[in-house]
Amino acid sequence: MASAVNAKTCSFPIFGNSKRECSLIPSPPLPISHFSPPLQQSSSLYLTSTNSHPPPIVLHSRNLSSPSASKFAVMASSGQPGPLRVMISGAPASGKGTQCELITSKYGLVHIAAGDLLREEIASGSENGKLAKEYMEKGQLVPDEIVVMMVKERLLKPDSLEKGWLLDGYPRSLSQAIALKDFGFQPDIFVLLEIPEQVLVERVVGRRLDPVTGRIYHLKYSPPENEEIAARLTQRFDDTEEKVKLRLQTHNQNVEAVLSVYENIIVKVDGSMAKEDVFMQIDNALTKLLKQD
């Protein structure tokens, strides 16, 4: 994958530059869903300010009476409102996809995942899609500059500008993060799902696919309903302990580089709890961000 991106600055508002970090404070154990492994202790999320005089930011919400309660807006010191912008990152089997569904359902953000975007661009026959297809047909990785342009154009579409966005698992490298920053895209918050490696390995190694229905099962946390289904389940070739550890190693190296770009707005969330409790942490962080004066 290419490491350099030629980026031109475009006009795009940047809000929420005050430094924030979060600390995790132990709280009583919480119930675990069938998708989550046992946990001895859960964590509650608190946001604290790392600077004594942050820039003045006024946060407000609109259309909260609508069923979706989706249009949250952030107003910076410039006085110009803008929608909420969120990045979320998590290792394979961290439950990131589930959390993205919960976040978009409550806040009405536009969910953007680079992999989905790449497939959509190829299917639509766009210029970026045609370029990406050429590389994929040769068995090569799609260069950073093509994917970054796809993401940039998606973030500048009217729905993203109006509703705000949730960037799922992207950027994945330092070069991608720098390219987005050069284009003027700055999130209000960077959510990082943290799960012990042994828990992630257990989640991945136990996954099974039903080739008939396409449903994903887990031998321990979400077993098949009957013997007939159990007999036909298959395992992905790379869902082995050895290969998942290699994937985690690569992920961790890339994430560390990306975090250096967003270190002042990172919120670390304990992702080993039940999905409802993980979302509660994320929801609390977003709510506190919106309520801060």
Protein backbone atom coordinates (compact mmCIF):
# COMPACT_ATOMS: atom_id res chain seq x y z
CA MET A 1 0.00 0.00 0.00
CA ALA A 2 1.38 3.38 -0.93
CA SER A 3 2.60 5.50 1.93
CA ALA A 4 2.52 8.92 0.37
CA VAL A 5 -0.58 10.85 -0.62
CA ASN A 6 -0.63 14.03 -2.64
CA ALA A 7 -3.37 15.99 -0.93
CA LYS A 8 -4.76 19.41 -1.71
CA THR A 9 -6.42 21.39 1.03
CA CYS A 10 -10.14 21.81 0.54
CA SER A 11 -12.52 24.11 2.36
CA PHE A 12 -14.03 22.17 5.22
CA PRO A 13 -14.92 23.45 8.73
CA ILE A 14 -13.04 22.04 11.71
CA PHE A 15 -14.66 22.07 15.13
CA GLY A 16 -13.90 20.77 18.59
CA ASN A 17 -10.17 21.37 19.02
CA SER A 18 -10.10 21.32 22.82
CA LYS A 19 -7.93 18.60 24.35
CA ARG A 20 -9.86 15.76 25.91
CA GLU A 21 -8.98 12.33 27.12
CA CYS A 22 -10.82 9.75 29.09
CA SER A 23 -10.02 7.71 32.13
CA LEU A 24 -11.53 4.36 33.00
CA ILE A 25 -12.72 3.96 36.57
CA PRO A 26 -13.77 0.51 37.82
CA SER A 27 -17.42 -0.04 38.63
CA PRO A 28 -19.47 -3.12 39.67
CA PRO A 29 -19.68 -6.09 37.29
CA LEU A 30 -22.26 -5.92 34.51
CA PRO A 31 -24.22 -8.73 32.76
CA ILE A 32 -22.61 -10.29 29.73
CA SER A 33 -24.44 -11.02 26.47
CA HIS A 34 -24.04 -14.32 24.62
CA PHE A 35 -21.58 -12.69 22.25
CA SER A 36 -19.23 -11.53 25.00
CA PRO A 37 -16.77 -13.60 27.04
CA PRO A 38 -16.82 -13.55 30.85
CA LEU A 39 -15.51 -10.42 32.47
CA GLN A 40 -14.54 -10.02 36.10
CA GLN A 41 -14.82 -6.29 36.19
CA SER A 42 -16.34 -3.68 33.92
CA SER A 43 -15.45 -0.05 33.54
CA SER A 44 -17.27 3.24 33.50
CA LEU A 45 -16.23 6.09 31.28
CA TYR A 46 -15.45 9.61 32.38
CA LEU A 47 -14.20 12.49 30.25
CA THR A 48 -11.78 15.00 31.69
CA SER A 49 -10.16 18.09 30.23
CA THR A 50 -6.38 18.12 29.98
CA ASN A 51 -6.11 21.86 29.53
CA SER A 52 -7.22 24.44 32.06
CA HIS A 53 -8.60 26.91 29.50
CA PRO A 54 -10.12 25.06 26.55
CA PRO A 55 -11.45 27.05 23.59
CA PRO A 56 -15.07 28.11 24.11
CA ILE A 57 -17.38 25.54 22.54
CA VAL A 58 -21.18 25.63 22.73
CA LEU A 59 -22.89 22.31 22.13
CA HIS A 60 -26.56 21.96 21.39
CA SER A 61 -28.95 19.47 19.82
CA ARG A 62 -31.79 19.88 17.40
CA ASN A 63 -34.84 17.85 16.37
CA LEU A 64 -34.61 15.80 19.55
CA SER A 65 -38.35 15.29 19.45
CA SER A 66 -38.11 13.27 16.21
CA PRO A 67 -38.30 9.46 16.49
CA SER A 68 -34.70 9.03 15.43
CA ALA A 69 -33.37 11.88 17.57
CA SER A 70 -30.67 11.93 14.96
CA LYS A 71 -29.56 15.46 14.17
CA PHE A 72 -27.07 16.48 16.79
CA ALA A 73 -25.11 19.63 16.01
CA VAL A 74 -21.93 21.07 17.44
CA MET A 75 -21.26 24.80 17.49
CA ALA A 76 -17.68 26.00 17.78
CA SER A 77 -16.39 29.37 18.92
CA SER A 78 -16.80 30.65 15.36
CA GLY A 79 -20.55 30.48 15.91
CA GLN A 80 -21.13 28.23 12.89
CA PRO A 81 -22.92 24.95 13.64
CA GLY A 82 -21.67 21.66 12.30
CA PRO A 83 -22.70 18.01 12.70
CA LEU A 84 -21.06 15.45 14.94
CA ARG A 85 -18.06 13.65 13.44
CA VAL A 86 -16.88 10.38 14.94
CA MET A 87 -14.07 7.93 14.20
CA ILE A 88 -14.11 4.45 15.71
CA SER A 89 -11.37 1.84 15.74
CA GLY A 90 -11.19 -1.70 17.03
CA ALA A 91 -9.32 -4.93 16.40
CA PRO A 92 -10.85 -7.88 14.51
CA ALA A 93 -13.71 -9.37 16.59
CA SER A 94 -13.88 -6.26 18.81
CA GLY A 95 -17.59 -5.78 18.09
CA LYS A 96 -16.96 -2.57 16.18
CA GLY A 97 -19.61 -3.35 13.56
CA THR A 98 -22.29 -3.80 16.21
CA GLN A 99 -21.35 -0.53 17.90
CA CYS A 100 -21.47 1.30 14.57
CA GLU A 101 -25.03 0.07 14.07
CA LEU A 102 -26.04 1.29 17.54
CA ILE A 103 -24.35 4.68 17.10
CA THR A 104 -25.90 5.38 13.71
CA SER A 105 -29.29 4.21 14.92
CA LYS A 106 -29.33 6.72 17.79
CA TYR A 107 -27.43 9.66 16.34
CA GLY A 108 -28.37 9.38 12.67
CA LEU A 109 -24.78 9.72 11.45
CA VAL A 110 -23.71 8.58 8.00
CA HIS A 111 -21.85 5.30 8.44
CA ILE A 112 -18.74 5.14 6.24
CA ALA A 113 -16.60 2.01 6.06
CA ALA A 114 -13.72 2.02 3.56
CA GLY A 115 -14.30 -1.59 2.48
CA ASP A 116 -18.00 -1.02 1.77
CA LEU A 117 -17.19 2.26 0.05
CA LEU A 118 -14.64 0.54 -2.18
CA ARG A 119 -17.17 -2.09 -3.27
CA GLU A 120 -19.82 0.58 -3.91
CA GLU A 121 -17.45 2.68 -6.02
CA ILE A 122 -16.48 -0.34 -8.14
CA ALA A 123 -20.13 -1.34 -8.60
CA SER A 124 -21.10 2.19 -9.64
CA GLY A 125 -18.32 2.40 -12.20
CA SER A 126 -16.97 5.68 -10.84
CA GLU A 127 -13.54 6.92 -11.85
CA ASN A 128 -12.07 5.95 -8.48
CA GLY A 129 -13.88 2.62 -8.69
CA LYS A 130 -12.40 1.86 -12.10
CA LEU A 131 -8.90 2.63 -10.84
CA ALA A 132 -9.40 0.44 -7.77
CA LYS A 133 -10.75 -2.41 -9.87
CA GLU A 134 -7.62 -2.41 -12.02
CA TYR A 135 -5.44 -3.02 -8.99
CA MET A 136 -7.76 -5.65 -7.50
CA GLU A 137 -7.94 -7.60 -10.76
CA LYS A 138 -4.14 -7.79 -10.70
CA GLY A 139 -4.26 -9.09 -7.13
CA GLN A 140 -2.69 -5.89 -5.80
CA LEU A 141 -3.67 -3.70 -2.88
CA VAL A 142 -5.53 -0.51 -3.75
CA PRO A 143 -3.12 2.42 -3.13
CA ASP A 144 -3.80 4.82 -0.28
CA GLU A 145 -4.34 7.79 -2.56
CA ILE A 146 -7.29 6.12 -4.31
CA VAL A 147 -9.01 5.03 -1.09
CA VAL A 148 -8.39 8.42 0.54
CA MET A 149 -10.01 10.16 -2.43
CA MET A 150 -13.02 7.87 -2.14
CA VAL A 151 -13.37 8.64 1.56
CA LYS A 152 -12.84 12.37 0.96
CA GLU A 153 -15.57 12.52 -1.68
CA ARG A 154 -17.97 10.56 0.55
CA LEU A 155 -17.35 12.86 3.50
CA LEU A 156 -18.12 15.87 1.30
CA LYS A 157 -21.48 14.54 0.10
CA PRO A 158 -24.55 16.51 1.29
CA ASP A 159 -25.81 13.84 3.70
CA SER A 160 -22.44 13.61 5.46
CA LEU A 161 -22.21 17.40 5.73
CA GLU A 162 -25.77 17.68 7.02
CA LYS A 163 -26.07 14.68 9.33
CA GLY A 164 -22.46 14.15 10.37
CA TRP A 165 -20.45 10.99 9.91
CA LEU A 166 -19.13 7.87 11.59
CA LEU A 167 -15.88 6.73 10.00
CA ASP A 168 -15.59 3.00 10.67
CA GLY A 169 -12.07 1.57 11.01
CA TYR A 170 -10.50 4.31 8.96
CA PRO A 171 -7.84 5.71 8.81
CA ARG A 172 -5.82 2.53 9.28
CA SER A 173 -2.35 3.98 8.83
CA LEU A 174 -0.44 7.15 9.63
CA SER A 175 -0.33 8.19 5.97
CA GLN A 176 -4.12 7.88 5.70
CA ALA A 177 -4.65 9.89 8.88
CA ILE A 178 -2.32 12.64 7.70
CA ALA A 179 -4.03 12.73 4.29
CA LEU A 180 -7.46 13.20 5.88
CA LYS A 181 -6.07 15.90 8.14
CA ASP A 182 -4.52 17.69 5.18
CA PHE A 183 -7.90 17.63 3.45
CA GLY A 184 -9.38 19.32 6.53
CA PHE A 185 -11.28 16.40 8.06
CA GLN A 186 -11.00 16.40 11.85
CA PRO A 187 -13.23 14.24 14.07
CA ASP A 188 -14.76 15.55 17.27
CA ILE A 189 -13.98 12.26 19.00
CA PHE A 190 -11.95 9.10 18.30
CA VAL A 191 -13.45 6.01 19.94
CA LEU A 192 -11.01 3.16 20.59
CA LEU A 193 -12.40 -0.25 21.56
CA GLU A 194 -9.94 -2.03 23.84
CA ILE A 195 -10.13 -5.79 24.41
CA PRO A 196 -7.46 -8.15 25.80
CA GLU A 197 -5.76 -10.20 23.11
CA GLN A 198 -6.74 -13.54 24.61
CA VAL A 199 -10.41 -12.52 24.47
CA LEU A 200 -10.12 -11.49 20.83
CA VAL A 201 -8.39 -14.76 19.93
CA GLU A 202 -11.13 -16.75 21.65
CA ARG A 203 -13.83 -14.80 19.81
CA VAL A 204 -12.20 -15.34 16.40
CA VAL A 205 -11.18 -18.99 16.78
CA GLY A 206 -14.71 -19.93 17.91
CA ARG A 207 -16.48 -18.26 14.98
CA ARG A 208 -18.35 -20.44 12.50
CA LEU A 209 -20.30 -19.65 9.33
CA ASP A 210 -23.53 -21.26 8.19
CA PRO A 211 -23.05 -21.49 4.38
CA VAL A 212 -26.80 -21.88 3.87
CA THR A 213 -28.07 -18.80 5.74
CA GLY A 214 -24.86 -16.76 5.95
CA ARG A 215 -25.31 -16.40 9.70
CA ILE A 216 -22.27 -16.22 11.96
CA TYR A 217 -22.25 -18.43 15.06
CA HIS A 218 -19.81 -18.86 17.92
CA LEU A 219 -19.24 -22.28 19.43
CA LYS A 220 -19.26 -20.85 22.97
CA TYR A 221 -21.17 -17.58 22.99
CA SER A 222 -23.72 -18.12 20.21
CA PRO A 223 -23.93 -21.84 19.43
CA PRO A 224 -26.13 -23.25 16.62
CA GLU A 225 -29.73 -24.09 17.44
CA ASN A 226 -29.57 -27.76 16.48
CA GLU A 227 -27.32 -30.58 15.30
CA GLU A 228 -28.33 -30.15 11.65
CA ILE A 229 -26.99 -26.59 11.58
CA ALA A 230 -23.93 -27.53 13.64
CA ALA A 231 -22.98 -30.23 11.13
CA ARG A 232 -22.79 -27.82 8.20
CA LEU A 233 -20.92 -24.95 9.88
CA THR A 234 -17.59 -23.94 8.37
CA GLN A 235 -14.60 -21.98 9.65
CA ARG A 236 -12.73 -19.27 7.76
CA PHE A 237 -9.26 -20.38 6.74
CA ASP A 238 -7.66 -17.47 8.63
CA ASP A 239 -9.70 -17.85 11.83
CA THR A 240 -6.90 -19.79 13.50
CA GLU A 241 -5.00 -18.70 16.60
CA GLU A 242 -1.74 -18.29 14.72
CA LYS A 243 -3.20 -16.15 11.93
CA VAL A 244 -5.41 -14.03 14.16
CA LYS A 245 -2.40 -13.14 16.32
CA LEU A 246 -0.56 -11.95 13.22
CA ARG A 247 -3.57 -9.86 12.23
CA LEU A 248 -3.75 -8.37 15.70
CA GLN A 249 -0.06 -7.53 15.64
CA THR A 250 -0.46 -5.65 12.36
CA HIS A 251 -3.58 -3.91 13.63
CA ASN A 252 -1.91 -2.79 16.85
CA GLN A 253 1.11 -1.37 15.01
CA ASN A 254 -1.09 0.63 12.65
CA VAL A 255 -3.39 1.86 15.40
CA GLU A 256 -0.54 3.21 17.49
CA ALA A 257 0.57 5.37 14.56
CA VAL A 258 -2.97 6.61 13.90
CA LEU A 259 -3.56 7.47 17.56
CA SER A 260 -0.63 9.87 17.49
CA VAL A 261 -2.65 12.10 15.15
CA TYR A 262 -5.78 12.09 17.34
CA GLU A 263 -4.25 11.78 20.82
CA ASN A 264 -6.16 14.76 22.25
CA ILE A 265 -9.64 13.45 21.42
CA ILE A 266 -9.29 9.70 22.10
CA VAL A 267 -11.88 7.94 24.22
CA LYS A 268 -10.87 4.43 25.24
CA VAL A 269 -13.75 2.04 25.80
CA ASP A 270 -13.71 -1.40 27.42
CA GLY A 271 -15.03 -3.53 24.57
CA SER A 272 -15.01 -6.85 26.44
CA MET A 273 -18.39 -6.26 28.08
CA ALA A 274 -21.86 -6.97 26.73
CA LYS A 275 -22.66 -4.96 23.60
CA GLU A 276 -25.28 -2.92 25.45
CA ASP A 277 -22.79 -1.93 28.12
CA VAL A 278 -20.12 -1.09 25.55
CA PHE A 279 -22.59 1.19 23.80
CA MET A 280 -23.50 2.80 27.12
CA GLN A 281 -19.88 3.91 27.49
CA ILE A 282 -19.80 5.32 23.95
CA ASP A 283 -23.19 6.96 24.34
CA ASN A 284 -22.09 8.61 27.60
CA ALA A 285 -19.00 10.00 25.88
CA LEU A 286 -20.98 11.41 22.95
CA THR A 287 -23.62 12.85 25.26
CA LYS A 288 -21.00 14.56 27.45
CA LEU A 289 -19.34 15.95 24.35
CA LEU A 290 -22.63 17.43 23.19
CA LYS A 291 -23.45 18.88 26.62
CA GLN A 292 -20.13 20.57 27.33
CA ASP A 293 -20.17 24.34 27.35
